[in-house]
Full PDB file with SEQRES, HELIX, SHEET, SSBOND, CRYST1, ORIGX, SCALE, CONECT and MASTER records, all heavy atoms in Angstrom:
SEQRES   1 A   41  ILE VAL PHE ILE ASP HIS TRP ILE ALA PHE ILE LEU LEU          
SEQRES   2 A   41  VAL LEU ILE GLY VAL ASN MET ILE ARG GLU ALA CYS GLY          
SEQRES   3 A   41  LYS GLU ALA GLU LYS THR ASP ASP SER LEU ALA PHE ARG          
SEQRES   4 A   41  GLU MET                                                      
HELIX    1 AA1 VAL A    2  ILE A    4  5                                   3    
HELIX    2 AA2 ASP A    5  CYS A   25  1                                  21    
CRYST1    1.000    1.000    1.000  90.00  90.00  90.00 P 1           1          
ORIGX1      1.000000  0.000000  0.000000        0.00000                         
ORIGX2      0.000000  1.000000  0.000000        0.00000                         
ORIGX3      0.000000  0.000000  1.000000        0.00000                         
SCALE1      1.000000  0.000000  0.000000        0.00000                         
SCALE2      0.000000  1.000000  0.000000        0.00000                         
SCALE3      0.000000  0.000000  1.000000        0.00000                         
ATOM      1  N   ILE A   1      36.737 -12.893   7.627  1.00  0.00           N  
ATOM      2  CA  ILE A   1      36.157 -11.901   8.536  1.00  0.00           C  
ATOM      3  C   ILE A   1      36.627 -10.477   8.250  1.00  0.00           C  
ATOM      4  O   ILE A   1      36.561  -9.611   9.118  1.00  0.00           O  
ATOM      5  CB  ILE A   1      36.435 -12.266  10.011  1.00  0.00           C  
ATOM      6  CG1 ILE A   1      37.925 -12.429  10.260  1.00  0.00           C  
ATOM      7  CG2 ILE A   1      35.675 -13.488  10.419  1.00  0.00           C  
ATOM      8  CD1 ILE A   1      38.271 -12.659  11.704  1.00  0.00           C  
ATOM      9  N   VAL A   2      37.052 -10.227   7.027  1.00  0.00           N  
ATOM     10  CA  VAL A   2      37.602  -8.917   6.679  1.00  0.00           C  
ATOM     11  C   VAL A   2      36.591  -7.783   6.887  1.00  0.00           C  
ATOM     12  O   VAL A   2      36.967  -6.660   7.185  1.00  0.00           O  
ATOM     13  CB  VAL A   2      38.160  -8.922   5.230  1.00  0.00           C  
ATOM     14  CG1 VAL A   2      37.049  -8.973   4.211  1.00  0.00           C  
ATOM     15  CG2 VAL A   2      39.075  -7.731   4.996  1.00  0.00           C  
ATOM     16  N   PHE A   3      35.312  -8.081   6.788  1.00  0.00           N  
ATOM     17  CA  PHE A   3      34.299  -7.039   6.944  1.00  0.00           C  
ATOM     18  C   PHE A   3      34.109  -6.587   8.389  1.00  0.00           C  
ATOM     19  O   PHE A   3      33.476  -5.557   8.633  1.00  0.00           O  
ATOM     20  CB  PHE A   3      32.958  -7.500   6.343  1.00  0.00           C  
ATOM     21  CG  PHE A   3      32.398  -8.732   6.983  1.00  0.00           C  
ATOM     22  CD1 PHE A   3      31.482  -8.638   8.015  1.00  0.00           C  
ATOM     23  CD2 PHE A   3      32.792  -9.988   6.564  1.00  0.00           C  
ATOM     24  CE1 PHE A   3      30.973  -9.772   8.615  1.00  0.00           C  
ATOM     25  CE2 PHE A   3      32.283 -11.130   7.146  1.00  0.00           C  
ATOM     26  CZ  PHE A   3      31.368 -11.025   8.183  1.00  0.00           C  
ATOM     27  N   ILE A   4      34.673  -7.316   9.348  1.00  0.00           N  
ATOM     28  CA  ILE A   4      34.585  -6.888  10.751  1.00  0.00           C  
ATOM     29  C   ILE A   4      35.971  -6.750  11.387  1.00  0.00           C  
ATOM     30  O   ILE A   4      36.093  -6.660  12.599  1.00  0.00           O  
ATOM     31  CB  ILE A   4      33.716  -7.849  11.594  1.00  0.00           C  
ATOM     32  CG1 ILE A   4      34.291  -9.269  11.566  1.00  0.00           C  
ATOM     33  CG2 ILE A   4      32.273  -7.817  11.166  1.00  0.00           C  
ATOM     34  CD1 ILE A   4      33.684 -10.198  12.591  1.00  0.00           C  
ATOM     35  N   ASP A   5      37.021  -6.717  10.560  1.00  0.00           N  
ATOM     36  CA  ASP A   5      38.384  -6.683  11.083  1.00  0.00           C  
ATOM     37  C   ASP A   5      38.645  -5.509  12.009  1.00  0.00           C  
ATOM     38  O   ASP A   5      39.316  -5.639  13.017  1.00  0.00           O  
ATOM     39  CB  ASP A   5      39.404  -6.724   9.949  1.00  0.00           C  
ATOM     40  CG  ASP A   5      39.292  -5.537   8.997  1.00  0.00           C  
ATOM     41  OD1 ASP A   5      38.333  -4.752   9.102  1.00  0.00           O  
ATOM     42  OD2 ASP A   5      40.183  -5.421   8.145  1.00  0.00           O  
ATOM     43  N   HIS A   6      38.104  -4.344  11.681  1.00  0.00           N  
ATOM     44  CA  HIS A   6      38.334  -3.170  12.520  1.00  0.00           C  
ATOM     45  C   HIS A   6      37.686  -3.338  13.897  1.00  0.00           C  
ATOM     46  O   HIS A   6      38.216  -2.856  14.883  1.00  0.00           O  
ATOM     47  CB  HIS A   6      37.834  -1.901  11.822  1.00  0.00           C  
ATOM     48  CG  HIS A   6      36.447  -2.000  11.320  1.00  0.00           C  
ATOM     49  ND1 HIS A   6      36.115  -2.686  10.174  1.00  0.00           N  
ATOM     50  CD2 HIS A   6      35.298  -1.505  11.821  1.00  0.00           C  
ATOM     51  CE1 HIS A   6      34.813  -2.602   9.977  1.00  0.00           C  
ATOM     52  NE2 HIS A   6      34.296  -1.899  10.965  1.00  0.00           N  
ATOM     53  N   TRP A   7      36.561  -4.033  13.936  1.00  0.00           N  
ATOM     54  CA  TRP A   7      35.918  -4.297  15.223  1.00  0.00           C  
ATOM     55  C   TRP A   7      36.754  -5.271  16.055  1.00  0.00           C  
ATOM     56  O   TRP A   7      36.880  -5.117  17.272  1.00  0.00           O  
ATOM     57  CB  TRP A   7      34.506  -4.855  15.016  1.00  0.00           C  
ATOM     58  CG  TRP A   7      33.547  -3.807  14.558  1.00  0.00           C  
ATOM     59  CD1 TRP A   7      33.073  -3.620  13.301  1.00  0.00           C  
ATOM     60  CD2 TRP A   7      32.973  -2.777  15.364  1.00  0.00           C  
ATOM     61  NE1 TRP A   7      32.231  -2.531  13.263  1.00  0.00           N  
ATOM     62  CE2 TRP A   7      32.146  -1.995  14.523  1.00  0.00           C  
ATOM     63  CE3 TRP A   7      33.065  -2.424  16.708  1.00  0.00           C  
ATOM     64  CZ2 TRP A   7      31.431  -0.899  14.983  1.00  0.00           C  
ATOM     65  CZ3 TRP A   7      32.337  -1.333  17.162  1.00  0.00           C  
ATOM     66  CH2 TRP A   7      31.542  -0.582  16.310  1.00  0.00           C  
ATOM     67  N   ILE A   8      37.342  -6.268  15.406  1.00  0.00           N  
ATOM     68  CA  ILE A   8      38.195  -7.227  16.110  1.00  0.00           C  
ATOM     69  C   ILE A   8      39.419  -6.514  16.680  1.00  0.00           C  
ATOM     70  O   ILE A   8      39.763  -6.701  17.852  1.00  0.00           O  
ATOM     71  CB  ILE A   8      38.614  -8.384  15.177  1.00  0.00           C  
ATOM     72  CG1 ILE A   8      37.385  -9.225  14.813  1.00  0.00           C  
ATOM     73  CG2 ILE A   8      39.690  -9.255  15.833  1.00  0.00           C  
ATOM     74  CD1 ILE A   8      37.632 -10.242  13.720  1.00  0.00           C  
ATOM     75  N   ALA A   9      40.070  -5.692  15.855  1.00  0.00           N  
ATOM     76  CA  ALA A   9      41.236  -4.937  16.323  1.00  0.00           C  
ATOM     77  C   ALA A   9      40.846  -4.043  17.499  1.00  0.00           C  
ATOM     78  O   ALA A   9      41.555  -3.988  18.517  1.00  0.00           O  
ATOM     79  CB  ALA A   9      41.822  -4.105  15.185  1.00  0.00           C  
ATOM     80  N   PHE A  10      39.728  -3.336  17.361  1.00  0.00           N  
ATOM     81  CA  PHE A  10      39.235  -2.445  18.418  1.00  0.00           C  
ATOM     82  C   PHE A  10      39.002  -3.223  19.715  1.00  0.00           C  
ATOM     83  O   PHE A  10      39.495  -2.843  20.786  1.00  0.00           O  
ATOM     84  CB  PHE A  10      37.946  -1.761  17.953  1.00  0.00           C  
ATOM     85  CG  PHE A  10      37.176  -1.082  19.045  1.00  0.00           C  
ATOM     86  CD1 PHE A  10      37.631   0.096  19.606  1.00  0.00           C  
ATOM     87  CD2 PHE A  10      35.984  -1.617  19.509  1.00  0.00           C  
ATOM     88  CE1 PHE A  10      36.921   0.734  20.607  1.00  0.00           C  
ATOM     89  CE2 PHE A  10      35.257  -0.986  20.508  1.00  0.00           C  
ATOM     90  CZ  PHE A  10      35.728   0.188  21.063  1.00  0.00           C  
ATOM     91  N   ILE A  11      38.268  -4.323  19.639  1.00  0.00           N  
ATOM     92  CA  ILE A  11      37.920  -5.094  20.833  1.00  0.00           C  
ATOM     93  C   ILE A  11      39.167  -5.668  21.495  1.00  0.00           C  
ATOM     94  O   ILE A  11      39.335  -5.563  22.716  1.00  0.00           O  
ATOM     95  CB  ILE A  11      36.906  -6.208  20.482  1.00  0.00           C  
ATOM     96  CG1 ILE A  11      35.545  -5.574  20.162  1.00  0.00           C  
ATOM     97  CG2 ILE A  11      36.769  -7.209  21.621  1.00  0.00           C  
ATOM     98  CD1 ILE A  11      34.546  -6.531  19.518  1.00  0.00           C  
ATOM     99  N   LEU A  12      40.073  -6.256  20.711  1.00  0.00           N  
ATOM    100  CA  LEU A  12      41.280  -6.836  21.299  1.00  0.00           C  
ATOM    101  C   LEU A  12      42.143  -5.784  21.978  1.00  0.00           C  
ATOM    102  O   LEU A  12      42.591  -5.976  23.117  1.00  0.00           O  
ATOM    103  CB  LEU A  12      42.098  -7.572  20.233  1.00  0.00           C  
ATOM    104  CG  LEU A  12      41.537  -8.914  19.760  1.00  0.00           C  
ATOM    105  CD1 LEU A  12      42.366  -9.453  18.599  1.00  0.00           C  
ATOM    106  CD2 LEU A  12      41.500  -9.921  20.897  1.00  0.00           C  
ATOM    107  N   LEU A  13      42.376  -4.661  21.299  1.00  0.00           N  
ATOM    108  CA  LEU A  13      43.224  -3.621  21.890  1.00  0.00           C  
ATOM    109  C   LEU A  13      42.588  -3.009  23.135  1.00  0.00           C  
ATOM    110  O   LEU A  13      43.276  -2.756  24.131  1.00  0.00           O  
ATOM    111  CB  LEU A  13      43.544  -2.539  20.856  1.00  0.00           C  
ATOM    112  CG  LEU A  13      44.511  -2.973  19.755  1.00  0.00           C  
ATOM    113  CD1 LEU A  13      44.598  -1.905  18.678  1.00  0.00           C  
ATOM    114  CD2 LEU A  13      45.882  -3.282  20.312  1.00  0.00           C  
ATOM    115  N   VAL A  14      41.278  -2.783  23.100  1.00  0.00           N  
ATOM    116  CA  VAL A  14      40.602  -2.210  24.271  1.00  0.00           C  
ATOM    117  C   VAL A  14      40.638  -3.204  25.432  1.00  0.00           C  
ATOM    118  O   VAL A  14      40.909  -2.818  26.578  1.00  0.00           O  
ATOM    119  CB  VAL A  14      39.163  -1.774  23.926  1.00  0.00           C  
ATOM    120  CG1 VAL A  14      38.365  -1.459  25.180  1.00  0.00           C  
ATOM    121  CG2 VAL A  14      39.190  -0.550  23.005  1.00  0.00           C  
ATOM    122  N   LEU A  15      40.380  -4.485  25.161  1.00  0.00           N  
ATOM    123  CA  LEU A  15      40.423  -5.482  26.240  1.00  0.00           C  
ATOM    124  C   LEU A  15      41.815  -5.585  26.856  1.00  0.00           C  
ATOM    125  O   LEU A  15      41.951  -5.633  28.085  1.00  0.00           O  
ATOM    126  CB  LEU A  15      39.977  -6.854  25.717  1.00  0.00           C  
ATOM    127  CG  LEU A  15      38.483  -7.016  25.450  1.00  0.00           C  
ATOM    128  CD1 LEU A  15      38.193  -8.376  24.830  1.00  0.00           C  
ATOM    129  CD2 LEU A  15      37.678  -6.832  26.724  1.00  0.00           C  
ATOM    130  N   ILE A  16      42.833  -5.614  26.011  1.00  0.00           N  
ATOM    131  CA  ILE A  16      44.206  -5.678  26.523  1.00  0.00           C  
ATOM    132  C   ILE A  16      44.513  -4.422  27.341  1.00  0.00           C  
ATOM    133  O   ILE A  16      45.066  -4.494  28.437  1.00  0.00           O  
ATOM    134  CB  ILE A  16      45.207  -5.823  25.362  1.00  0.00           C  
ATOM    135  CG1 ILE A  16      45.036  -7.171  24.659  1.00  0.00           C  
ATOM    136  CG2 ILE A  16      46.647  -5.679  25.879  1.00  0.00           C  
ATOM    137  CD1 ILE A  16      45.724  -7.236  23.308  1.00  0.00           C  
ATOM    138  N   GLY A  17      44.140  -3.259  26.815  1.00  0.00           N  
ATOM    139  CA  GLY A  17      44.385  -1.996  27.506  1.00  0.00           C  
ATOM    140  C   GLY A  17      43.667  -1.908  28.837  1.00  0.00           C  
ATOM    141  O   GLY A  17      44.256  -1.515  29.859  1.00  0.00           O  
ATOM    142  N   VAL A  18      42.392  -2.296  28.855  1.00  0.00           N  
ATOM    143  CA  VAL A  18      41.612  -2.253  30.098  1.00  0.00           C  
ATOM    144  C   VAL A  18      42.206  -3.219  31.116  1.00  0.00           C  
ATOM    145  O   VAL A  18      42.292  -2.894  32.312  1.00  0.00           O  
ATOM    146  CB  VAL A  18      40.122  -2.562  29.819  1.00  0.00           C  
ATOM    147  CG1 VAL A  18      39.356  -2.835  31.095  1.00  0.00           C  
ATOM    148  CG2 VAL A  18      39.484  -1.409  29.053  1.00  0.00           C  
ATOM    149  N   ASN A  19      42.656  -4.385  30.668  1.00  0.00           N  
ATOM    150  CA  ASN A  19      43.289  -5.334  31.583  1.00  0.00           C  
ATOM    151  C   ASN A  19      44.567  -4.747  32.177  1.00  0.00           C  
ATOM    152  O   ASN A  19      44.828  -4.896  33.374  1.00  0.00           O  
ATOM    153  CB  ASN A  19      43.577  -6.654  30.867  1.00  0.00           C  
ATOM    154  CG  ASN A  19      44.055  -7.712  31.827  1.00  0.00           C  
ATOM    155  OD1 ASN A  19      43.423  -7.958  32.851  1.00  0.00           O  
ATOM    156  ND2 ASN A  19      45.174  -8.332  31.510  1.00  0.00           N  
ATOM    157  N   MET A  20      45.367  -4.072  31.364  1.00  0.00           N  
ATOM    158  CA  MET A  20      46.583  -3.435  31.879  1.00  0.00           C  
ATOM    159  C   MET A  20      46.239  -2.347  32.884  1.00  0.00           C  
ATOM    160  O   MET A  20      46.908  -2.210  33.924  1.00  0.00           O  
ATOM    161  CB  MET A  20      47.410  -2.856  30.734  1.00  0.00           C  
ATOM    162  CG  MET A  20      48.157  -3.905  29.935  1.00  0.00           C  
ATOM    163  SD  MET A  20      49.069  -3.209  28.546  1.00  0.00           S  
ATOM    164  CE  MET A  20      50.399  -2.352  29.404  1.00  0.00           C  
ATOM    165  N   ILE A  21      45.198  -1.562  32.603  1.00  0.00           N  
ATOM    166  CA  ILE A  21      44.770  -0.509  33.529  1.00  0.00           C  
ATOM    167  C   ILE A  21      44.308  -1.129  34.844  1.00  0.00           C  
ATOM    168  O   ILE A  21      44.654  -0.659  35.930  1.00  0.00           O  
ATOM    169  CB  ILE A  21      43.665   0.354  32.889  1.00  0.00           C  
ATOM    170  CG1 ILE A  21      44.239   1.157  31.714  1.00  0.00           C  
ATOM    171  CG2 ILE A  21      43.016   1.271  33.928  1.00  0.00           C  
ATOM    172  CD1 ILE A  21      43.190   1.809  30.827  1.00  0.00           C  
ATOM    173  N   ARG A  22      43.538  -2.222  34.744  1.00  0.00           N  
ATOM    174  CA  ARG A  22      43.048  -2.908  35.939  1.00  0.00           C  
ATOM    175  C   ARG A  22      44.225  -3.424  36.778  1.00  0.00           C  
ATOM    176  O   ARG A  22      44.241  -3.269  37.998  1.00  0.00           O  
ATOM    177  CB  ARG A  22      42.131  -4.065  35.534  1.00  0.00           C  
ATOM    178  CG  ARG A  22      41.499  -4.796  36.705  1.00  0.00           C  
ATOM    179  CD  ARG A  22      40.677  -6.005  36.258  1.00  0.00           C  
ATOM    180  NE  ARG A  22      41.391  -6.908  35.387  1.00  0.00           N  
ATOM    181  CZ  ARG A  22      42.290  -7.817  35.795  1.00  0.00           C  
ATOM    182  NH1 ARG A  22      42.598  -7.892  37.068  1.00  0.00           N  
ATOM    183  NH2 ARG A  22      42.880  -8.612  34.935  1.00  0.00           N  
ATOM    184  N   GLU A  23      45.215  -4.026  36.120  1.00  0.00           N  
ATOM    185  CA  GLU A  23      46.386  -4.519  36.838  1.00  0.00           C  
ATOM    186  C   GLU A  23      47.170  -3.379  37.482  1.00  0.00           C  
ATOM    187  O   GLU A  23      47.695  -3.525  38.585  1.00  0.00           O  
ATOM    188  CB  GLU A  23      47.301  -5.302  35.898  1.00  0.00           C  
ATOM    189  CG  GLU A  23      46.745  -6.661  35.509  1.00  0.00           C  
ATOM    190  CD  GLU A  23      47.622  -7.374  34.493  1.00  0.00           C  
ATOM    191  OE1 GLU A  23      48.709  -6.858  34.143  1.00  0.00           O  
ATOM    192  OE2 GLU A  23      47.209  -8.460  34.042  1.00  0.00           O  
ATOM    193  N   ALA A  24      47.242  -2.247  36.806  1.00  0.00           N  
ATOM    194  CA  ALA A  24      47.972  -1.099  37.348  1.00  0.00           C  
ATOM    195  C   ALA A  24      47.295  -0.543  38.589  1.00  0.00           C  
ATOM    196  O   ALA A  24      47.956  -0.051  39.499  1.00  0.00           O  
ATOM    197  CB  ALA A  24      48.099   0.001  36.292  1.00  0.00           C  
ATOM    198  N   CYS A  25      45.977  -0.635  38.632  1.00  0.00           N  
ATOM    199  CA  CYS A  25      45.220  -0.100  39.763  1.00  0.00           C  
ATOM    200  C   CYS A  25      45.078  -1.103  40.896  1.00  0.00           C  
ATOM    201  O   CYS A  25      44.618  -0.752  41.977  1.00  0.00           O  
ATOM    202  CB  CYS A  25      43.839   0.354  39.295  1.00  0.00           C  
ATOM    203  SG  CYS A  25      43.918   1.734  38.136  1.00  0.00           S  
ATOM    204  N   GLY A  26      45.466  -2.366  40.643  1.00  0.00           N  
ATOM    205  CA  GLY A  26      45.384  -3.418  41.663  1.00  0.00           C  
ATOM    206  C   GLY A  26      46.446  -3.232  42.729  1.00  0.00           C  
ATOM    207  O   GLY A  26      47.435  -2.536  42.553  1.00  0.00           O  
ATOM    208  N   LYS A  27      46.243  -3.884  43.830  1.00  0.00           N  
ATOM    209  CA  LYS A  27      47.155  -3.754  44.963  1.00  0.00           C  
ATOM    210  C   LYS A  27      48.135  -4.915  45.068  1.00  0.00           C  
ATOM    211  O   LYS A  27      48.924  -4.977  45.994  1.00  0.00           O  
ATOM    212  CB  LYS A  27      46.353  -3.660  46.271  1.00  0.00           C  
ATOM    213  CG  LYS A  27      45.404  -2.492  46.314  1.00  0.00           C  
ATOM    214  CD  LYS A  27      46.151  -1.189  46.305  1.00  0.00           C  
ATOM    215  CE  LYS A  27      45.162  -0.038  46.384  1.00  0.00           C  
ATOM    216  NZ  LYS A  27      45.662   1.190  45.876  1.00  0.00           N  
ATOM    217  N   GLU A  28      48.072  -5.869  44.111  1.00  0.00           N  
ATOM    218  CA  GLU A  28      48.961  -7.015  44.177  1.00  0.00           C  
ATOM    219  C   GLU A  28      50.401  -6.603  43.915  1.00  0.00           C  
ATOM    220  O   GLU A  28      50.685  -5.877  42.987  1.00  0.00           O  
ATOM    221  CB  GLU A  28      48.574  -8.061  43.132  1.00  0.00           C  
ATOM    222  CG  GLU A  28      47.291  -8.774  43.427  1.00  0.00           C  
ATOM    223  CD  GLU A  28      46.993  -9.831  42.375  1.00  0.00           C  
ATOM    224  OE1 GLU A  28      47.934 -10.323  41.727  1.00  0.00           O  
ATOM    225  OE2 GLU A  28      45.820 -10.142  42.216  1.00  0.00           O  
ATOM    226  N   ALA A  29      51.282  -7.098  44.728  1.00  0.00           N  
ATOM    227  CA  ALA A  29      52.714  -6.852  44.521  1.00  0.00           C  
ATOM    228  C   ALA A  29      53.293  -8.016  43.729  1.00  0.00           C  
ATOM    229  O   ALA A  29      53.000  -9.169  44.015  1.00  0.00           O  
ATOM    230  CB  ALA A  29      53.425  -6.723  45.864  1.00  0.00           C  
ATOM    231  N   GLU A  30      54.099  -7.707  42.726  1.00  0.00           N  
ATOM    232  CA  GLU A  30      54.728  -8.760  41.935  1.00  0.00           C  
ATOM    233  C   GLU A  30      55.937  -9.283  42.686  1.00  0.00           C  
ATOM    234  O   GLU A  30      56.698  -8.531  43.277  1.00  0.00           O  
ATOM    235  CB  GLU A  30      55.156  -8.217  40.569  1.00  0.00           C  
ATOM    236  CG  GLU A  30      53.986  -8.009  39.664  1.00  0.00           C  
ATOM    237  CD  GLU A  30      54.428  -7.833  38.228  1.00  0.00           C  
ATOM    238  OE1 GLU A  30      55.402  -8.481  37.810  1.00  0.00           O  
ATOM    239  OE2 GLU A  30      53.780  -7.051  37.547  1.00  0.00           O  
ATOM    240  N   LYS A  31      56.079 -10.602  42.644  1.00  0.00           N  
ATOM    241  CA  LYS A  31      57.215 -11.229  43.294  1.00  0.00           C  
ATOM    242  C   LYS A  31      58.282 -11.475  42.235  1.00  0.00           C  
ATOM    243  O   LYS A  31      58.040 -12.145  41.249  1.00  0.00           O  
ATOM    244  CB  LYS A  31      56.802 -12.556  43.913  1.00  0.00           C  
ATOM    245  CG  LYS A  31      55.779 -12.434  45.020  1.00  0.00           C  
ATOM    246  CD  LYS A  31      55.391 -13.806  45.516  1.00  0.00           C  
ATOM    247  CE  LYS A  31      54.230 -13.702  46.481  1.00  0.00           C  
ATOM    248  NZ  LYS A  31      53.718 -15.013  46.866  1.00  0.00           N  
ATOM    249  N   THR A  32      59.446 -10.946  42.465  1.00  0.00           N  
ATOM    250  CA  THR A  32      60.577 -11.232  41.589  1.00  0.00           C  
ATOM    251  C   THR A  32      61.813 -11.392  42.445  1.00  0.00           C  
ATOM    252  O   THR A  32      61.877 -10.915  43.575  1.00  0.00           O  
ATOM    253  CB  THR A  32      60.841 -10.109  40.562  1.00  0.00           C  
ATOM    254  OG1 THR A  32      61.145  -8.917  41.264  1.00  0.00           O  
ATOM    255  CG2 THR A  32      59.674  -9.895  39.642  1.00  0.00           C  
ATOM    256  N   ASP A  33      62.774 -12.101  41.899  1.00  0.00           N  
ATOM    257  CA  ASP A  33      64.069 -12.187  42.555  1.00  0.00           C  
ATOM    258  C   ASP A  33      65.125 -11.818  41.530  1.00  0.00           C  
ATOM    259  O   ASP A  33      64.816 -11.463  40.407  1.00  0.00           O  
ATOM    260  CB  ASP A  33      64.292 -13.571  43.176  1.00  0.00           C  
ATOM    261  CG  ASP A  33      64.242 -14.684  42.149  1.00  0.00           C  
ATOM    262  OD1 ASP A  33      64.600 -14.451  40.980  1.00  0.00           O  
ATOM    263  OD2 ASP A  33      63.849 -15.802  42.519  1.00  0.00           O  
ATOM    264  N   ASP A  34      66.380 -11.909  41.947  1.00  0.00           N  
ATOM    265  CA  ASP A  34      67.446 -11.459  41.043  1.00  0.00           C  
ATOM    266  C   ASP A  34      67.883 -12.519  40.040  1.00  0.00           C  
ATOM    267  O   ASP A  34      68.822 -12.304  39.280  1.00  0.00           O  
ATOM    268  CB  ASP A  34      68.629 -10.919  41.835  1.00  0.00           C  
ATOM    269  CG  ASP A  34      69.347 -11.998  42.633  1.00  0.00           C  
ATOM    270  OD1 ASP A  34      68.810 -13.124  42.753  1.00  0.00           O  
ATOM    271  OD2 ASP A  34      70.438 -11.710  43.147  1.00  0.00           O  
ATOM    272  N   SER A  35      67.193 -13.642  39.984  1.00  0.00           N  
ATOM    273  CA  SER A  35      67.567 -14.725  39.084  1.00  0.00           C  
ATOM    274  C   SER A  35      67.298 -14.349  37.619  1.00  0.00           C  
ATOM    275  O   SER A  35      66.255 -13.788  37.285  1.00  0.00           O  
ATOM    276  CB  SER A  35      66.772 -15.988  39.422  1.00  0.00           C  
ATOM    277  OG  SER A  35      66.992 -16.985  38.450  1.00  0.00           O  
ATOM    278  N   LEU A  36      68.261 -14.663  36.761  1.00  0.00           N  
ATOM    279  CA  LEU A  36      68.103 -14.499  35.323  1.00  0.00           C  
ATOM    280  C   LEU A  36      68.124 -15.874  34.655  1.00  0.00           C  
ATOM    281  O   LEU A  36      68.439 -15.992  33.465  1.00  0.00           O  
ATOM    282  CB  LEU A  36      69.195 -13.596  34.753  1.00  0.00           C  
ATOM    283  CG  LEU A  36      69.251 -12.178  35.306  1.00  0.00           C  
ATOM    284  CD1 LEU A  36      70.418 -11.407  34.704  1.00  0.00           C  
ATOM    285  CD2 LEU A  36      67.950 -11.442  35.057  1.00  0.00           C  
ATOM    286  N   ALA A  37      67.752 -16.898  35.420  1.00  0.00           N  
ATOM    287  CA  ALA A  37      67.756 -18.274  34.925  1.00  0.00           C  
ATOM    288  C   ALA A  37      66.734 -18.444  33.804  1.00  0.00           C  
ATOM    289  O   ALA A  37      65.720 -17.736  33.744  1.00  0.00           O  
ATOM    290  CB  ALA A  37      67.443 -19.239  36.068  1.00  0.00           C  
ATOM    291  N   PHE A  38      67.006 -19.391  32.923  1.00  0.00           N  
ATOM    292  CA  PHE A  38      66.167 -19.651  31.753  1.00  0.00           C  
ATOM    293  C   PHE A  38      64.696 -19.801  32.128  1.00  0.00           C  
ATOM    294  O   PHE A  38      63.837 -19.151  31.550  1.00  0.00           O  
ATOM    295  CB  PHE A  38      66.659 -20.917  31.033  1.00  0.00           C  
ATOM    296  CG  PHE A  38      65.789 -21.300  29.865  1.00  0.00           C  
ATOM    297  CD1 PHE A  38      66.017 -20.751  28.618  1.00  0.00           C  
ATOM    298  CD2 PHE A  38      64.746 -22.195  30.020  1.00  0.00           C  
ATOM    299  CE1 PHE A  38      65.212 -21.080  27.536  1.00  0.00           C  
ATOM    300  CE2 PHE A  38      63.942 -22.543  28.955  1.00  0.00           C  
ATOM    301  CZ  PHE A  38      64.175 -21.983  27.701  1.00  0.00           C  
ATOM    302  N   ARG A  39      64.412 -20.653  33.075  1.00  0.00           N  
ATOM    303  CA  ARG A  39      63.017 -20.950  33.427  1.00  0.00           C  
ATOM    304  C   ARG A  39      62.261 -19.702  33.886  1.00  0.00           C  
ATOM    305  O   ARG A  39      61.156 -19.436  33.439  1.00  0.00           O  
ATOM    306  CB  ARG A  39      62.978 -22.036  34.495  1.00  0.00           C  
ATOM    307  CG  ARG A  39      61.582 -22.424  34.898  1.00  0.00           C  
ATOM    308  CD  ARG A  39      61.621 -23.492  35.986  1.00  0.00           C  
ATOM    309  NE  ARG A  39      60.307 -23.684  36.534  1.00  0.00           N  
ATOM    310  CZ  ARG A  39      59.642 -24.811  36.461  1.00  0.00           C  
ATOM    311  NH1 ARG A  39      60.164 -25.845  35.857  1.00  0.00           N  
ATOM    312  NH2 ARG A  39      58.456 -24.908  37.011  1.00  0.00           N  
ATOM    313  N   GLU A  40      62.861 -18.947  34.784  1.00  0.00           N  
ATOM    314  CA  GLU A  40      62.175 -17.757  35.289  1.00  0.00           C  
ATOM    315  C   GLU A  40      62.005 -16.699  34.205  1.00  0.00           C  
ATOM    316  O   GLU A  40      60.933 -16.125  34.047  1.00  0.00           O  
ATOM    317  CB  GLU A  40      62.919 -17.141  36.475  1.00  0.00           C  
ATOM    318  CG  GLU A  40      62.194 -15.911  36.985  1.00  0.00           C  
ATOM    319  CD  GLU A  40      62.808 -15.292  38.214  1.00  0.00           C  
ATOM    320  OE1 GLU A  40      63.592 -15.957  38.900  1.00  0.00           O  
ATOM    321  OE2 GLU A  40      62.478 -14.127  38.471  1.00  0.00           O  
ATOM    322  N   MET A  41      63.050 -16.461  33.447  1.00  0.00           N  
ATOM    323  CA  MET A  41      62.970 -15.441  32.397  1.00  0.00           C  
ATOM    324  C   MET A  41      62.001 -15.855  31.293  1.00  0.00           C  
ATOM    325  O   MET A  41      61.281 -15.014  30.747  1.00  0.00           O  
ATOM    326  CB  MET A  41      64.358 -15.138  31.828  1.00  0.00           C  
ATOM    327  CG  MET A  41      65.273 -14.434  32.815  1.00  0.00           C  
ATOM    328  SD  MET A  41      64.585 -12.937  33.566  1.00  0.00           S  
ATOM    329  CE  MET A  41      64.340 -11.903  32.137  1.00  0.00           C  
TER     330      MET A  41                                                      
MASTER        0    0    0    2    0    0    0    6  329    1    0    4          
END                                                                             
């Protein structure tokens, strides 16, 4: 797929970026505690 690689890179980065923007604008609060246990981390 080398002939469309730039389109793949473009689409993946834009989708990831838009998802991060959407999450930043959301009202959901993240739940975390002070645990540094293996499973949670």
